[in-house]
Amino acid sequence: MIRHIVLFKLKPGVARDDPRVAQWMDMMRALPKLIPTSVDWEYGWNVTDRPIAYDFGLNSSFRTRDDLMAYLPHPDHQAMVAVAKQVADWVICDYEY
């Protein structure tokens, strides 16, 4: 199994109530139904206010590295990435478990 973790930090001047953030969240919510290779899909807003914390996290998994690699260029994923780029920066970790 491959764990795909993404931590997002909203860009300066972007708030959670920004309409682009709402669009991004709608796309995030729909994505697991559109990506058949995803096994687990959970996400949420950070609940602490520590200065080093990111604002939002995605924790997902895929059966194989090939499944993850098929997800990355998927048009629905890329559409979500295009909106996310407007509102956030992120870091990623993909590991086998």
C-alpha atoms as a PDB file:
ATOM      1  CA  MET A   1       0.000   0.000   0.000  1.00  0.00           C
ATOM      2  CA  ILE A   2       1.077   3.560  -0.675  1.00  0.00           C
ATOM      3  CA  ARG A   3       0.157   6.365   1.719  1.00  0.00           C
ATOM      4  CA  HIS A   4      -0.252   9.756   0.029  1.00  0.00           C
ATOM      5  CA  ILE A   5      -0.172  12.629   2.522  1.00  0.00           C
ATOM      6  CA  VAL A   6      -0.550  16.265   1.489  1.00  0.00           C
ATOM      7  CA  LEU A   7      -0.372  19.221   3.881  1.00  0.00           C
ATOM      8  CA  PHE A   8      -1.713  22.532   2.598  1.00  0.00           C
ATOM      9  CA  LYS A   9      -1.061  26.071   3.818  1.00  0.00           C
ATOM     10  CA  LEU A  10      -3.417  28.780   2.602  1.00  0.00           C
ATOM     11  CA  LYS A  11      -1.658  31.573   0.751  1.00  0.00           C
ATOM     12  CA  PRO A  12      -1.417  34.965   2.471  1.00  0.00           C
ATOM     13  CA  GLY A  13      -4.702  36.818   2.145  1.00  0.00           C
ATOM     14  CA  VAL A  14      -6.746  33.668   1.466  1.00  0.00           C
ATOM     15  CA  ALA A  15      -9.306  32.741   4.125  1.00  0.00           C
ATOM     16  CA  ARG A  16     -11.323  29.570   4.571  1.00  0.00           C
ATOM     17  CA  ASP A  17     -14.475  31.401   3.465  1.00  0.00           C
ATOM     18  CA  ASP A  18     -12.943  32.406   0.108  1.00  0.00           C
ATOM     19  CA  PRO A  19     -15.202  31.131  -2.729  1.00  0.00           C
ATOM     20  CA  ARG A  20     -12.179  29.471  -4.359  1.00  0.00           C
ATOM     21  CA  VAL A  21     -11.565  27.523  -1.159  1.00  0.00           C
ATOM     22  CA  ALA A  22     -15.208  26.385  -1.201  1.00  0.00           C
ATOM     23  CA  GLN A  23     -14.757  25.240  -4.815  1.00  0.00           C
ATOM     24  CA  TRP A  24     -11.556  23.403  -3.870  1.00  0.00           C
ATOM     25  CA  MET A  25     -13.318  21.676  -0.950  1.00  0.00           C
ATOM     26  CA  ASP A  26     -16.186  20.595  -3.224  1.00  0.00           C
ATOM     27  CA  MET A  27     -13.667  19.116  -5.638  1.00  0.00           C
ATOM     28  CA  MET A  28     -11.739  17.446  -2.789  1.00  0.00           C
ATOM     29  CA  ARG A  29     -14.976  15.892  -1.514  1.00  0.00           C
ATOM     30  CA  ALA A  30     -15.903  14.523  -4.964  1.00  0.00           C
ATOM     31  CA  LEU A  31     -12.479  13.239  -5.953  1.00  0.00           C
ATOM     32  CA  PRO A  32     -12.497   9.768  -4.327  1.00  0.00           C
ATOM     33  CA  LYS A  33     -15.655   8.845  -6.232  1.00  0.00           C
ATOM     34  CA  LEU A  34     -13.985   9.911  -9.483  1.00  0.00           C
ATOM     35  CA  ILE A  35     -10.659   8.162  -8.855  1.00  0.00           C
ATOM     36  CA  PRO A  36     -11.193   4.399  -8.742  1.00  0.00           C
ATOM     37  CA  THR A  37      -7.617   3.647  -7.632  1.00  0.00           C
ATOM     38  CA  SER A  38      -7.935   5.407  -4.260  1.00  0.00           C
ATOM     39  CA  VAL A  39      -8.533   3.068  -1.315  1.00  0.00           C
ATOM     40  CA  ASP A  40      -8.813   5.487   1.616  1.00  0.00           C
ATOM     41  CA  TRP A  41      -9.541   9.196   1.447  1.00  0.00           C
ATOM     42  CA  GLU A  42      -9.768  11.473   4.457  1.00  0.00           C
ATOM     43  CA  TYR A  43      -9.097  15.161   4.865  1.00  0.00           C
ATOM     44  CA  GLY A  44      -9.783  18.035   7.187  1.00  0.00           C
ATOM     45  CA  TRP A  45      -8.913  21.441   8.521  1.00  0.00           C
ATOM     46  CA  ASN A  46      -6.243  21.793  11.177  1.00  0.00           C
ATOM     47  CA  VAL A  47      -7.768  22.226  14.632  1.00  0.00           C
ATOM     48  CA  THR A  48      -4.809  23.904  16.353  1.00  0.00           C
ATOM     49  CA  ASP A  49      -3.315  27.357  15.954  1.00  0.00           C
ATOM     50  CA  ARG A  50       0.371  26.469  16.333  1.00  0.00           C
ATOM     51  CA  PRO A  51       2.515  28.648  14.063  1.00  0.00           C
ATOM     52  CA  ILE A  52       4.253  25.672  12.424  1.00  0.00           C
ATOM     53  CA  ALA A  53       0.988  23.905  11.597  1.00  0.00           C
ATOM     54  CA  TYR A  54      -0.403  23.598   8.109  1.00  0.00           C
ATOM     55  CA  ASP A  55      -4.022  24.589   7.514  1.00  0.00           C
ATOM     56  CA  PHE A  56      -5.433  21.495   5.840  1.00  0.00           C
ATOM     57  CA  GLY A  57      -4.436  17.865   5.430  1.00  0.00           C
ATOM     58  CA  LEU A  58      -5.214  15.025   3.049  1.00  0.00           C
ATOM     59  CA  ASN A  59      -4.456  11.431   4.019  1.00  0.00           C
ATOM     60  CA  SER A  60      -5.149   8.905   1.275  1.00  0.00           C
ATOM     61  CA  SER A  61      -3.896   5.528   0.183  1.00  0.00           C
ATOM     62  CA  PHE A  62      -3.513   3.494  -2.977  1.00  0.00           C
ATOM     63  CA  ARG A  63      -2.883  -0.229  -3.392  1.00  0.00           C
ATOM     64  CA  THR A  64       0.215   0.191  -5.542  1.00  0.00           C
ATOM     65  CA  ARG A  65       2.651   2.833  -6.710  1.00  0.00           C
ATOM     66  CA  ASP A  66       1.181   2.395 -10.201  1.00  0.00           C
ATOM     67  CA  ASP A  67      -2.268   3.253  -8.817  1.00  0.00           C
ATOM     68  CA  LEU A  68      -0.853   6.439  -7.280  1.00  0.00           C
ATOM     69  CA  MET A  69       0.942   7.289 -10.525  1.00  0.00           C
ATOM     70  CA  ALA A  70      -2.348   6.817 -12.433  1.00  0.00           C
ATOM     71  CA  TYR A  71      -4.117   9.184 -10.019  1.00  0.00           C
ATOM     72  CA  LEU A  72      -1.644  12.053 -10.368  1.00  0.00           C
ATOM     73  CA  PRO A  73      -2.338  12.946 -14.039  1.00  0.00           C
ATOM     74  CA  HIS A  74      -6.065  12.071 -13.814  1.00  0.00           C
ATOM     75  CA  PRO A  75      -8.064  15.004 -15.264  1.00  0.00           C
ATOM     76  CA  ASP A  76     -10.274  15.366 -12.169  1.00  0.00           C
ATOM     77  CA  HIS A  77      -7.210  15.442  -9.909  1.00  0.00           C
ATOM     78  CA  GLN A  78      -5.504  17.985 -12.162  1.00  0.00           C
ATOM     79  CA  ALA A  79      -8.628  20.185 -12.137  1.00  0.00           C
ATOM     80  CA  MET A  80      -8.576  20.138  -8.333  1.00  0.00           C
ATOM     81  CA  VAL A  81      -4.835  20.936  -8.343  1.00  0.00           C
ATOM     82  CA  ALA A  82      -5.463  23.940 -10.614  1.00  0.00           C
ATOM     83  CA  VAL A  83      -7.899  25.414  -8.084  1.00  0.00           C
ATOM     84  CA  ALA A  84      -5.672  24.498  -5.130  1.00  0.00           C
ATOM     85  CA  LYS A  85      -2.756  26.384  -6.717  1.00  0.00           C
ATOM     86  CA  GLN A  86      -4.828  29.567  -6.520  1.00  0.00           C
ATOM     87  CA  VAL A  87      -5.342  29.316  -2.771  1.00  0.00           C
ATOM     88  CA  ALA A  88      -2.625  27.178  -1.176  1.00  0.00           C
ATOM     89  CA  ASP A  89       0.907  25.851  -1.188  1.00  0.00           C
ATOM     90  CA  TRP A  90       1.634  22.292  -0.081  1.00  0.00           C
ATOM     91  CA  VAL A  91       4.090  19.559   0.748  1.00  0.00           C
ATOM     92  CA  ILE A  92       3.682  15.887  -0.078  1.00  0.00           C
ATOM     93  CA  CYS A  93       4.932  12.600   1.299  1.00  0.00           C
ATOM     94  CA  ASP A  94       4.230   9.278  -0.414  1.00  0.00           C
ATOM     95  CA  TYR A  95       5.444   6.163   1.385  1.00  0.00           C
ATOM     96  CA  GLU A  96       4.932   2.438   1.259  1.00  0.00           C
ATOM     97  CA  TYR A  97       3.463   0.626   4.253  1.00  0.00           C
END
